[in-house]
Each structure stands twice: as structure tokens, then as C-alpha cells.
């Protein structure tokens, strides 16, 4: 008598990942990594190639920087551009103009802007005046500066401040104030108000709370704001060329003077461009960690 052997039945099993799926995931990761590196390389090229071209042109002979097609690297280098720049121009005086105007306007803008930003961040004004005042300050940065050039020139002339450092200091402070206020408002709003309430319980006044509690905690934000304000003041050209003649000229105005009716003095212009960029570059590298901390302050909330 034949007997039948029953085979055990098993339930459905989850299919194991195949090699094709693993290979597809690996290739996808490689593609995304290559894409990220390509984007990074393009970004670095956009930033670094113009600067490298500026530096190389400052060391070229006239026949090299006027050659066509243009070449980034040449065989013969020269210091004639720097030599003529330092011998024919009162460069030290103009450099000090830029330094004094930038430092003074940055200190004033950050100091006054921090006070205004703290007031708008902590005070509760009626009729939503906090937002209205903040938007009004931002509005002053929306319209082009050239729209106010002529009336502003007349005001400075009537005040007898033409061709003085004070004209540029006042101008840069006024135009950087909205920028500082809008940056610092966000930083001050992220600070915990409980710290100030505890200071109030200890008898601290509003000024003591601001100087002893708020400012030390906002150090990275103040440094980041000061760096950005200094860069704006250091590179400003429109009001510098409009309000100065000889004594108060800054480096951007001196650089524009190399565009003459006989042509452009590329070697001296690029040499001055390198000299103008280096202080800002060294300063930014020196305070890089404070800049990164200040720009990311308050970006992550728990």
C-alpha cells in the first residue's frame, strides 16, 4: 500500500535584497557625492579664479596683461605695478582714510544699532510699533542710494563737511544702521528672557542688564555684524567718490583714478586691488570662528 509523504508548507517569506538593488544604491550614492563635489568645485572656481586673476595681473608686464587670448600664468613676472603705485601716490594717507572711516563707522553703527535692536526686541510698543519701526528701517535699504545722492551732497556741502572723514563716517553709519538693527534683532530675540528677569530680581537696571547680561552673550553675533558692516564700509564707492576730493579719498576712489583717458593702468589698479583685499581677508580669517558662530546663533531651537 503506497503512502503519501506530505511536504511541510511554509508561509510567505520577505525577499532578501538583491545584488542589483545594492548596486543601484551604491551608484546613487556615488552620483550624489560626485554632484556635490562638482557644485563645490564650481563655487570655488567662481570665488577663487577672479582673485587669482587679480593677483597674477598685478605681477604682469603690459604685453602680458594685454595679450590675447589672455593667460593666467606667464613666464616673466615684475613688481613694476607695485613700485610705481608706492612711488607716485600718497598711498599711506589714503589707506589710513579707509581704516579710520571703516573703524569709526563700524563702531558707531554696531553700538547704536545694538541699542535700537535690543529696544525693539524687548519693548512691547502699542499699535505694533515694533514691527512698523523695524520695517521702516529696512525700507531705507530698499531704495537705491543714487536716488538720494544729489540732496545728500547738498546737505553735506551746507554743513561744510565735503572732503572730510567725518562726512564718510556719518554717511556709512547712517546706511549701516538698518543692516545692524535687522541682524541684531534676531539674535536678541533668541536670548532667554529668564536671564534678564533674574537680573531684575537682583536689582539690575535696564542698562546693567544690557551691558552685563545681553552683550556678553551676544559676543559672536556682534562680531559677525561688525565684520559685515566693516566690509560694506571698506568697499563703498558711490558716496566716497561723491563727497571727497583729495584729502579724504579712500582706496576704492583711488583705484577708480587709474581709469584715464589714455587707457586703464591695469598693473597699478590690480596691485591696489590686492592691497585693498588683503586687510579684509586677513581680518576675516582671524575671526572666522566668531563669524561662523555669530551667523549660526539661534539657527537651532530645542
C-alpha atoms as a PDB file:
ATOM      1  CA  UNK A   1       0.000   0.000   0.000  1.00  0.00           C
ATOM      2  CA  UNK A   2       1.536   3.267  -1.115  1.00  0.00           C
ATOM      3  CA  UNK A   3       1.898   6.000   1.422  1.00  0.00           C
ATOM      4  CA  UNK A   4       1.959   9.645   0.602  1.00  0.00           C
ATOM      5  CA  UNK A   5       4.509  11.888   2.247  1.00  0.00           C
ATOM      6  CA  UNK A   6       3.189  15.348   2.949  1.00  0.00           C
ATOM      7  CA  UNK A   7       5.635  18.128   2.426  1.00  0.00           C
ATOM      8  CA  UNK A   8       5.502  20.867   5.024  1.00  0.00           C
ATOM      9  CA  UNK A   9       4.188  24.135   3.804  1.00  0.00           C
ATOM     10  CA  UNK A  10       5.887  27.364   4.781  1.00  0.00           C
ATOM     11  CA  UNK A  11       4.401  30.827   4.956  1.00  0.00           C
ATOM     12  CA  UNK A  12       5.417  33.693   2.725  1.00  0.00           C
ATOM     13  CA  UNK A  13       8.967  34.995   3.330  1.00  0.00           C
ATOM     14  CA  UNK A  14      10.306  38.523   2.793  1.00  0.00           C
ATOM     15  CA  UNK A  15      12.567  38.632  -0.244  1.00  0.00           C
ATOM     16  CA  UNK A  16      16.169  39.354   0.596  1.00  0.00           C
ATOM     17  CA  UNK A  17      17.718  42.429  -1.016  1.00  0.00           C
ATOM     18  CA  UNK A  18      19.210  41.537  -4.306  1.00  0.00           C
ATOM     19  CA  UNK A  19      22.631  42.463  -5.583  1.00  0.00           C
ATOM     20  CA  UNK A  20      21.020  44.667  -8.183  1.00  0.00           C
ATOM     21  CA  UNK A  21      19.324  46.749  -5.516  1.00  0.00           C
ATOM     22  CA  UNK A  22      22.579  47.101  -3.541  1.00  0.00           C
ATOM     23  CA  UNK A  23      24.467  48.082  -6.664  1.00  0.00           C
ATOM     24  CA  UNK A  24      21.811  50.644  -7.565  1.00  0.00           C
ATOM     25  CA  UNK A  25      22.041  52.217  -4.095  1.00  0.00           C
ATOM     26  CA  UNK A  26      25.831  52.311  -4.285  1.00  0.00           C
ATOM     27  CA  UNK A  27      25.798  54.010  -7.686  1.00  0.00           C
ATOM     28  CA  UNK A  28      23.194  56.501  -6.476  1.00  0.00           C
ATOM     29  CA  UNK A  29      25.411  57.453  -3.553  1.00  0.00           C
ATOM     30  CA  UNK A  30      28.410  57.864  -5.840  1.00  0.00           C
ATOM     31  CA  UNK A  31      26.429  60.061  -8.218  1.00  0.00           C
ATOM     32  CA  UNK A  32      25.232  62.334  -5.420  1.00  0.00           C
ATOM     33  CA  UNK A  33      28.755  62.578  -3.988  1.00  0.00           C
ATOM     34  CA  UNK A  34      30.163  63.446  -7.419  1.00  0.00           C
ATOM     35  CA  UNK A  35      27.414  66.036  -7.898  1.00  0.00           C
ATOM     36  CA  UNK A  36      28.208  67.666  -4.548  1.00  0.00           C
ATOM     37  CA  UNK A  37      31.910  67.810  -5.358  1.00  0.00           C
ATOM     38  CA  UNK A  38      31.144  69.270  -8.784  1.00  0.00           C
ATOM     39  CA  UNK A  39      28.974  72.009  -7.263  1.00  0.00           C
ATOM     40  CA  UNK A  40      31.699  72.750  -4.703  1.00  0.00           C
ATOM     41  CA  UNK A  41      34.335  72.929  -7.445  1.00  0.00           C
ATOM     42  CA  UNK A  42      32.204  75.359  -9.486  1.00  0.00           C
ATOM     43  CA  UNK A  43      31.599  77.541  -6.419  1.00  0.00           C
ATOM     44  CA  UNK A  44      35.311  77.620  -5.598  1.00  0.00           C
ATOM     45  CA  UNK A  45      36.141  78.480  -9.195  1.00  0.00           C
ATOM     46  CA  UNK A  46      33.666  81.369  -9.192  1.00  0.00           C
ATOM     47  CA  UNK A  47      35.219  82.742  -5.983  1.00  0.00           C
ATOM     48  CA  UNK A  48      38.911  81.991  -6.465  1.00  0.00           C
ATOM     49  CA  UNK A  49      39.545  82.461 -10.196  1.00  0.00           C
ATOM     50  CA  UNK A  50      38.800  86.238 -10.210  1.00  0.00           C
ATOM     51  CA  UNK A  51      41.037  86.721  -7.168  1.00  0.00           C
ATOM     52  CA  UNK A  52      43.842  84.671  -8.720  1.00  0.00           C
ATOM     53  CA  UNK A  53      43.453  86.677 -11.925  1.00  0.00           C
ATOM     54  CA  UNK A  54      43.693  89.904  -9.912  1.00  0.00           C
ATOM     55  CA  UNK A  55      46.880  88.765  -8.183  1.00  0.00           C
ATOM     56  CA  UNK A  56      48.528  87.455 -11.353  1.00  0.00           C
ATOM     57  CA  UNK A  57      47.720  90.606 -13.338  1.00  0.00           C
ATOM     58  CA  UNK A  58      49.366  92.778 -10.691  1.00  0.00           C
ATOM     59  CA  UNK A  59      52.689  90.997 -11.415  1.00  0.00           C
ATOM     60  CA  UNK A  60      52.458  91.047 -15.227  1.00  0.00           C
ATOM     61  CA  UNK A  61      54.139  93.228 -17.813  1.00  0.00           C
ATOM     62  CA  UNK A  62      51.949  95.342 -20.081  1.00  0.00           C
ATOM     63  CA  UNK A  63      52.494  92.984 -23.013  1.00  0.00           C
ATOM     64  CA  UNK A  64      51.239  90.084 -20.869  1.00  0.00           C
ATOM     65  CA  UNK A  65      48.084  91.558 -19.361  1.00  0.00           C
ATOM     66  CA  UNK A  66      47.076  92.947 -22.778  1.00  0.00           C
ATOM     67  CA  UNK A  67      47.790  89.686 -24.602  1.00  0.00           C
ATOM     68  CA  UNK A  68      45.024  87.903 -26.480  1.00  0.00           C
ATOM     69  CA  UNK A  69      43.978  85.262 -25.705  1.00  0.00           C
ATOM     70  CA  UNK A  70      44.520  86.166 -22.059  1.00  0.00           C
ATOM     71  CA  UNK A  71      46.729  83.924 -19.929  1.00  0.00           C
ATOM     72  CA  UNK A  72      46.521  83.409 -16.183  1.00  0.00           C
ATOM     73  CA  UNK A  73      50.167  82.399 -15.798  1.00  0.00           C
ATOM     74  CA  UNK A  74      53.144  83.896 -17.623  1.00  0.00           C
ATOM     75  CA  UNK A  75      56.871  83.291 -17.650  1.00  0.00           C
ATOM     76  CA  UNK A  76      58.100  86.781 -16.764  1.00  0.00           C
ATOM     77  CA  UNK A  77      56.907  88.459 -13.573  1.00  0.00           C
ATOM     78  CA  UNK A  78      57.516  92.028 -12.449  1.00  0.00           C
ATOM     79  CA  UNK A  79      56.928  94.324  -9.475  1.00  0.00           C
ATOM     80  CA  UNK A  80      56.638  97.466 -11.595  1.00  0.00           C
ATOM     81  CA  UNK A  81      52.960  97.924 -10.743  1.00  0.00           C
ATOM     82  CA  UNK A  82      53.646  97.948  -7.004  1.00  0.00           C
ATOM     83  CA  UNK A  83      56.796 100.052  -7.405  1.00  0.00           C
ATOM     84  CA  UNK A  84      55.009 102.779  -9.384  1.00  0.00           C
ATOM     85  CA  UNK A  85      51.997 102.620  -7.058  1.00  0.00           C
ATOM     86  CA  UNK A  86      54.060 103.302  -3.938  1.00  0.00           C
ATOM     87  CA  UNK A  87      56.316 105.907  -5.558  1.00  0.00           C
ATOM     88  CA  UNK A  88      53.776 108.153  -7.303  1.00  0.00           C
ATOM     89  CA  UNK A  89      50.784 108.098  -4.959  1.00  0.00           C
ATOM     90  CA  UNK A  90      50.245 109.129  -1.351  1.00  0.00           C
ATOM     91  CA  UNK A  91      49.010 105.637  -0.672  1.00  0.00           C
ATOM     92  CA  UNK A  92      49.606 105.612   3.086  1.00  0.00           C
ATOM     93  CA  UNK A  93      47.337 108.610   3.645  1.00  0.00           C
ATOM     94  CA  UNK A  94      44.522 107.124   1.569  1.00  0.00           C
ATOM     95  CA  UNK A  95      44.922 103.766   3.311  1.00  0.00           C
ATOM     96  CA  UNK A  96      44.566 105.451   6.704  1.00  0.00           C
ATOM     97  CA  UNK A  97      41.455 107.238   5.432  1.00  0.00           C
ATOM     98  CA  UNK A  98      39.852 103.885   4.684  1.00  0.00           C
ATOM     99  CA  UNK A  99      40.938 102.419   8.024  1.00  0.00           C
ATOM    100  CA  UNK A 100      39.722 105.355  10.130  1.00  0.00           C
ATOM    101  CA  UNK A 101      36.413 105.717   8.291  1.00  0.00           C
ATOM    102  CA  UNK A 102      35.711 101.973   8.399  1.00  0.00           C
ATOM    103  CA  UNK A 103      36.558 101.529  12.079  1.00  0.00           C
ATOM    104  CA  UNK A 104      34.704 104.640  13.245  1.00  0.00           C
ATOM    105  CA  UNK A 105      31.555 103.970  11.228  1.00  0.00           C
ATOM    106  CA  UNK A 106      31.516 100.302  12.236  1.00  0.00           C
ATOM    107  CA  UNK A 107      31.825 101.090  15.956  1.00  0.00           C
ATOM    108  CA  UNK A 108      29.099 103.730  15.769  1.00  0.00           C
ATOM    109  CA  UNK A 109      26.762 101.580  13.656  1.00  0.00           C
ATOM    110  CA  UNK A 110      27.155  98.478  15.833  1.00  0.00           C
ATOM    111  CA  UNK A 111      26.855 100.458  19.071  1.00  0.00           C
ATOM    112  CA  UNK A 112      23.774 102.469  18.107  1.00  0.00           C
ATOM    113  CA  UNK A 113      22.238  99.583  16.151  1.00  0.00           C
ATOM    114  CA  UNK A 114      22.588  97.198  19.098  1.00  0.00           C
ATOM    115  CA  UNK A 115      20.774  99.623  21.379  1.00  0.00           C
ATOM    116  CA  UNK A 116      17.966 100.071  18.859  1.00  0.00           C
ATOM    117  CA  UNK A 117      17.714  96.335  18.177  1.00  0.00           C
ATOM    118  CA  UNK A 118      17.574  95.493  21.892  1.00  0.00           C
ATOM    119  CA  UNK A 119      14.821  98.052  22.410  1.00  0.00           C
ATOM    120  CA  UNK A 120      12.760  96.670  19.542  1.00  0.00           C
ATOM    121  CA  UNK A 121      13.336  93.066  20.652  1.00  0.00           C
ATOM    122  CA  UNK A 122      12.337  93.573  24.293  1.00  0.00           C
ATOM    123  CA  UNK A 123       9.929  96.517  24.352  1.00  0.00           C
ATOM    124  CA  UNK A 124       6.247  95.969  23.628  1.00  0.00           C
ATOM    125  CA  UNK A 125       5.014  99.161  21.988  1.00  0.00           C
ATOM    126  CA  UNK A 126       1.304  99.764  21.263  1.00  0.00           C
ATOM    127  CA  UNK A 127      -0.221  99.513  17.800  1.00  0.00           C
ATOM    128  CA  UNK A 128       2.533  97.071  16.731  1.00  0.00           C
ATOM    129  CA  UNK A 129       5.033  99.888  16.505  1.00  0.00           C
ATOM    130  CA  UNK A 130       7.895  97.398  16.925  1.00  0.00           C
ATOM    131  CA  UNK A 131       7.254  95.852  13.550  1.00  0.00           C
ATOM    132  CA  UNK A 132       6.476  99.200  11.935  1.00  0.00           C
ATOM    133  CA  UNK A 133       9.728 100.766  13.115  1.00  0.00           C
ATOM    134  CA  UNK A 134      11.745  97.720  12.097  1.00  0.00           C
ATOM    135  CA  UNK A 135      10.173  97.709   8.635  1.00  0.00           C
ATOM    136  CA  UNK A 136      10.757 101.450   8.290  1.00  0.00           C
ATOM    137  CA  UNK A 137      14.456 100.902   8.974  1.00  0.00           C
ATOM    138  CA  UNK A 138      14.554  98.118   6.406  1.00  0.00           C
ATOM    139  CA  UNK A 139      12.793 100.389   3.918  1.00  0.00           C
ATOM    140  CA  UNK A 140      15.763 102.751   3.937  1.00  0.00           C
ATOM    141  CA  UNK A 141      17.884  99.938   2.496  1.00  0.00           C
ATOM    142  CA  UNK A 142      15.446  99.116  -0.299  1.00  0.00           C
ATOM    143  CA  UNK A 143      15.710 102.204  -2.465  1.00  0.00           C
ATOM    144  CA  UNK A 144      18.911 102.771  -4.484  1.00  0.00           C
ATOM    145  CA  UNK A 145      21.453 105.060  -2.861  1.00  0.00           C
ATOM    146  CA  UNK A 146      21.881 107.050  -6.062  1.00  0.00           C
ATOM    147  CA  UNK A 147      18.311 108.330  -5.605  1.00  0.00           C
ATOM    148  CA  UNK A 148      19.460 110.425  -2.629  1.00  0.00           C
ATOM    149  CA  UNK A 149      22.893 111.351  -3.984  1.00  0.00           C
ATOM    150  CA  UNK A 150      22.177 114.956  -5.030  1.00  0.00           C
ATOM    151  CA  UNK A 151      20.188 116.095  -1.945  1.00  0.00           C
ATOM    152  CA  UNK A 152      22.659 114.328   0.325  1.00  0.00           C
ATOM    153  CA  UNK A 153      25.566 116.064  -1.405  1.00  0.00           C
ATOM    154  CA  UNK A 154      23.873 119.424  -0.897  1.00  0.00           C
ATOM    155  CA  UNK A 155      23.337 118.705   2.809  1.00  0.00           C
ATOM    156  CA  UNK A 156      26.982 117.749   3.323  1.00  0.00           C
ATOM    157  CA  UNK A 157      28.094 120.825   1.382  1.00  0.00           C
ATOM    158  CA  UNK A 158      25.950 123.142   3.501  1.00  0.00           C
ATOM    159  CA  UNK A 159      27.395 121.546   6.635  1.00  0.00           C
ATOM    160  CA  UNK A 160      30.900 122.258   5.250  1.00  0.00           C
ATOM    161  CA  UNK A 161      31.912 118.614   5.574  1.00  0.00           C
ATOM    162  CA  UNK A 162      32.952 117.971   1.983  1.00  0.00           C
ATOM    163  CA  UNK A 163      36.288 116.190   1.601  1.00  0.00           C
ATOM    164  CA  UNK A 164      36.433 115.246   5.284  1.00  0.00           C
ATOM    165  CA  UNK A 165      36.497 111.911   7.028  1.00  0.00           C
ATOM    166  CA  UNK A 166      33.506 112.927   9.136  1.00  0.00           C
ATOM    167  CA  UNK A 167      31.318 113.116   6.028  1.00  0.00           C
ATOM    168  CA  UNK A 168      32.023 109.466   5.226  1.00  0.00           C
ATOM    169  CA  UNK A 169      31.783 108.344   8.861  1.00  0.00           C
ATOM    170  CA  UNK A 170      28.333 109.873   9.273  1.00  0.00           C
ATOM    171  CA  UNK A 171      27.201 108.530   5.895  1.00  0.00           C
ATOM    172  CA  UNK A 172      28.371 104.965   6.437  1.00  0.00           C
ATOM    173  CA  UNK A 173      26.973 104.902   9.965  1.00  0.00           C
ATOM    174  CA  UNK A 174      23.557 106.002   8.738  1.00  0.00           C
ATOM    175  CA  UNK A 175      23.456 103.484   5.900  1.00  0.00           C
ATOM    176  CA  UNK A 176      24.740 100.574   8.010  1.00  0.00           C
ATOM    177  CA  UNK A 177      22.356 101.166  10.916  1.00  0.00           C
ATOM    178  CA  UNK A 178      19.327  99.377   9.352  1.00  0.00           C
ATOM    179  CA  UNK A 179      21.532  96.434   8.439  1.00  0.00           C
ATOM    180  CA  UNK A 180      22.868  96.157  12.010  1.00  0.00           C
ATOM    181  CA  UNK A 181      19.416  96.552  13.585  1.00  0.00           C
ATOM    182  CA  UNK A 182      17.856  93.805  11.494  1.00  0.00           C
ATOM    183  CA  UNK A 183      20.675  91.373  12.200  1.00  0.00           C
ATOM    184  CA  UNK A 184      20.803  92.051  15.928  1.00  0.00           C
ATOM    185  CA  UNK A 185      17.034  91.889  16.453  1.00  0.00           C
ATOM    186  CA  UNK A 186      17.050  88.208  15.536  1.00  0.00           C
ATOM    187  CA  UNK A 187      19.959  87.487  17.870  1.00  0.00           C
ATOM    188  CA  UNK A 188      18.434  89.354  20.831  1.00  0.00           C
ATOM    189  CA  UNK A 189      15.069  87.648  20.396  1.00  0.00           C
ATOM    190  CA  UNK A 190      16.742  84.241  20.729  1.00  0.00           C
ATOM    191  CA  UNK A 191      18.286  85.078  24.109  1.00  0.00           C
ATOM    192  CA  UNK A 192      16.255  83.619  27.014  1.00  0.00           C
ATOM    193  CA  UNK A 193      14.338  86.362  28.801  1.00  0.00           C
ATOM    194  CA  UNK A 194      14.610  84.419  32.088  1.00  0.00           C
ATOM    195  CA  UNK A 195      18.210  85.578  32.473  1.00  0.00           C
ATOM    196  CA  UNK A 196      17.145  89.204  32.377  1.00  0.00           C
ATOM    197  CA  UNK A 197      14.280  88.546  34.791  1.00  0.00           C
ATOM    198  CA  UNK A 198      16.752  87.004  37.219  1.00  0.00           C
ATOM    199  CA  UNK A 199      18.969  90.070  36.862  1.00  0.00           C
ATOM    200  CA  UNK A 200      15.962  92.302  37.552  1.00  0.00           C
ATOM    201  CA  UNK A 201      15.321  90.362  40.776  1.00  0.00           C
ATOM    202  CA  UNK A 202      18.916  91.165  41.767  1.00  0.00           C
ATOM    203  CA  UNK A 203      18.277  94.874  41.230  1.00  0.00           C
ATOM    204  CA  UNK A 204      19.931  95.402  37.834  1.00  0.00           C
ATOM    205  CA  UNK A 205      18.732  98.333  35.783  1.00  0.00           C
ATOM    206  CA  UNK A 206      17.967  98.110  32.070  1.00  0.00           C
ATOM    207  CA  UNK A 207      21.427  99.421  31.180  1.00  0.00           C
ATOM    208  CA  UNK A 208      23.124  96.953  33.537  1.00  0.00           C
ATOM    209  CA  UNK A 209      21.131  94.078  32.064  1.00  0.00           C
ATOM    210  CA  UNK A 210      22.147  95.143  28.576  1.00  0.00           C
ATOM    211  CA  UNK A 211      25.854  95.570  29.323  1.00  0.00           C
ATOM    212  CA  UNK A 212      26.363  92.707  31.793  1.00  0.00           C
ATOM    213  CA  UNK A 213      23.980  90.038  30.502  1.00  0.00           C
ATOM    214  CA  UNK A 214      22.935  90.654  26.905  1.00  0.00           C
ATOM    215  CA  UNK A 215      26.159  91.945  25.328  1.00  0.00           C
ATOM    216  CA  UNK A 216      28.466  89.179  26.696  1.00  0.00           C
ATOM    217  CA  UNK A 217      26.046  86.509  25.473  1.00  0.00           C
ATOM    218  CA  UNK A 218      25.780  88.217  22.070  1.00  0.00           C
ATOM    219  CA  UNK A 219      29.535  88.438  21.505  1.00  0.00           C
ATOM    220  CA  UNK A 220      29.657  86.193  18.401  1.00  0.00           C
ATOM    221  CA  UNK A 221      26.658  87.975  16.910  1.00  0.00           C
ATOM    222  CA  UNK A 222      28.272  91.379  17.493  1.00  0.00           C
ATOM    223  CA  UNK A 223      31.496  90.213  15.859  1.00  0.00           C
ATOM    224  CA  UNK A 224      29.663  88.828  12.816  1.00  0.00           C
ATOM    225  CA  UNK A 225      27.642  92.019  12.427  1.00  0.00           C
ATOM    226  CA  UNK A 226      30.751  94.182  12.836  1.00  0.00           C
ATOM    227  CA  UNK A 227      32.626  92.198  10.176  1.00  0.00           C
ATOM    228  CA  UNK A 228      29.834  92.541   7.627  1.00  0.00           C
ATOM    229  CA  UNK A 229      29.399  96.248   8.397  1.00  0.00           C
ATOM    230  CA  UNK A 230      33.148  96.840   8.070  1.00  0.00           C
ATOM    231  CA  UNK A 231      33.221  95.117   4.682  1.00  0.00           C
ATOM    232  CA  UNK A 232      30.359  97.285   3.445  1.00  0.00           C
ATOM    233  CA  UNK A 233      32.112 100.462   4.607  1.00  0.00           C
ATOM    234  CA  UNK A 234      35.537  99.390   3.322  1.00  0.00           C
ATOM    235  CA  UNK A 235      34.276  98.707  -0.213  1.00  0.00           C
ATOM    236  CA  UNK A 236      31.770 101.589  -0.546  1.00  0.00           C
ATOM    237  CA  UNK A 237      32.406 103.729  -3.622  1.00  0.00           C
ATOM    238  CA  UNK A 238      29.416 105.913  -4.536  1.00  0.00           C
ATOM    239  CA  UNK A 239      29.409 108.300  -1.572  1.00  0.00           C
ATOM    240  CA  UNK A 240      33.189 108.141  -1.252  1.00  0.00           C
ATOM    241  CA  UNK A 241      33.689 109.460  -4.781  1.00  0.00           C
ATOM    242  CA  UNK A 242      30.869 111.990  -4.388  1.00  0.00           C
ATOM    243  CA  UNK A 243      31.832 113.503  -1.018  1.00  0.00           C
ATOM    244  CA  UNK A 244      35.633 113.534  -1.307  1.00  0.00           C
ATOM    245  CA  UNK A 245      38.133 115.403  -3.439  1.00  0.00           C
ATOM    246  CA  UNK A 246      41.744 114.911  -2.365  1.00  0.00           C
ATOM    247  CA  UNK A 247      42.259 114.736   1.407  1.00  0.00           C
ATOM    248  CA  UNK A 248      39.547 112.228   2.375  1.00  0.00           C
ATOM    249  CA  UNK A 249      39.730 109.851  -0.591  1.00  0.00           C
ATOM    250  CA  UNK A 250      39.532 106.163   0.251  1.00  0.00           C
ATOM    251  CA  UNK A 251      41.117 103.226  -1.549  1.00  0.00           C
ATOM    252  CA  UNK A 252      38.155 102.461  -3.883  1.00  0.00           C
ATOM    253  CA  UNK A 253      38.222 106.070  -5.108  1.00  0.00           C
ATOM    254  CA  UNK A 254      41.980 105.921  -5.660  1.00  0.00           C
ATOM    255  CA  UNK A 255      41.527 102.689  -7.587  1.00  0.00           C
ATOM    256  CA  UNK A 256      38.987 104.306  -9.906  1.00  0.00           C
ATOM    257  CA  UNK A 257      41.547 107.030 -10.675  1.00  0.00           C
ATOM    258  CA  UNK A 258      43.578 104.557 -12.713  1.00  0.00           C
ATOM    259  CA  UNK A 259      40.871 104.655 -15.401  1.00  0.00           C
ATOM    260  CA  UNK A 260      42.230 107.508 -17.518  1.00  0.00           C
ATOM    261  CA  UNK A 261      41.521 108.990 -20.934  1.00  0.00           C
ATOM    262  CA  UNK A 262      44.637 107.239 -22.229  1.00  0.00           C
ATOM    263  CA  UNK A 263      43.522 103.821 -21.090  1.00  0.00           C
ATOM    264  CA  UNK A 264      43.411 101.712 -17.953  1.00  0.00           C
ATOM    265  CA  UNK A 265      46.541 101.223 -15.866  1.00  0.00           C
ATOM    266  CA  UNK A 266      45.862  97.580 -15.185  1.00  0.00           C
ATOM    267  CA  UNK A 267      49.088  96.827 -13.321  1.00  0.00           C
ATOM    268  CA  UNK A 268      48.652  99.621 -10.764  1.00  0.00           C
ATOM    269  CA  UNK A 269      44.895  99.067 -10.470  1.00  0.00           C
ATOM    270  CA  UNK A 270      45.248  95.358  -9.763  1.00  0.00           C
ATOM    271  CA  UNK A 271      48.153  95.984  -7.384  1.00  0.00           C
ATOM    272  CA  UNK A 272      45.982  98.368  -5.393  1.00  0.00           C
ATOM    273  CA  UNK A 273      43.163  95.818  -5.590  1.00  0.00           C
ATOM    274  CA  UNK A 274      45.397  93.220  -3.931  1.00  0.00           C
ATOM    275  CA  UNK A 275      46.405  95.716  -1.235  1.00  0.00           C
ATOM    276  CA  UNK A 276      42.738  96.580  -0.638  1.00  0.00           C
ATOM    277  CA  UNK A 277      41.615  92.949  -0.365  1.00  0.00           C
ATOM    278  CA  UNK A 278      44.396  91.704   1.920  1.00  0.00           C
ATOM    279  CA  UNK A 279      43.399  93.515   5.172  1.00  0.00           C
ATOM    280  CA  UNK A 280      39.798  92.331   4.920  1.00  0.00           C
ATOM    281  CA  UNK A 281      40.918  88.815   4.023  1.00  0.00           C
ATOM    282  CA  UNK A 282      43.348  88.578   6.947  1.00  0.00           C
ATOM    283  CA  UNK A 283      40.783  90.032   9.355  1.00  0.00           C
ATOM    284  CA  UNK A 284      38.069  87.622   8.194  1.00  0.00           C
ATOM    285  CA  UNK A 285      40.388  84.617   8.576  1.00  0.00           C
ATOM    286  CA  UNK A 286      41.462  85.755  12.044  1.00  0.00           C
ATOM    287  CA  UNK A 287      37.884  85.984  13.341  1.00  0.00           C
ATOM    288  CA  UNK A 288      36.428  83.183  11.234  1.00  0.00           C
ATOM    289  CA  UNK A 289      35.230  81.095  14.171  1.00  0.00           C
ATOM    290  CA  UNK A 290      33.416  84.061  15.686  1.00  0.00           C
ATOM    291  CA  UNK A 291      31.844  84.833  12.310  1.00  0.00           C
ATOM    292  CA  UNK A 292      30.517  81.279  11.899  1.00  0.00           C
ATOM    293  CA  UNK A 293      29.194  81.192  15.475  1.00  0.00           C
ATOM    294  CA  UNK A 294      27.535  84.564  15.057  1.00  0.00           C
ATOM    295  CA  UNK A 295      25.833  83.720  11.778  1.00  0.00           C
ATOM    296  CA  UNK A 296      24.522  80.391  13.113  1.00  0.00           C
ATOM    297  CA  UNK A 297      23.463  81.720  16.519  1.00  0.00           C
ATOM    298  CA  UNK A 298      19.826  80.892  17.069  1.00  0.00           C
ATOM    299  CA  UNK A 299      19.574  78.714  13.970  1.00  0.00           C
ATOM    300  CA  UNK A 300      18.705  75.593  16.008  1.00  0.00           C
ATOM    301  CA  UNK A 301      15.946  75.609  18.566  1.00  0.00           C
ATOM    302  CA  UNK A 302      15.176  72.885  21.072  1.00  0.00           C
END
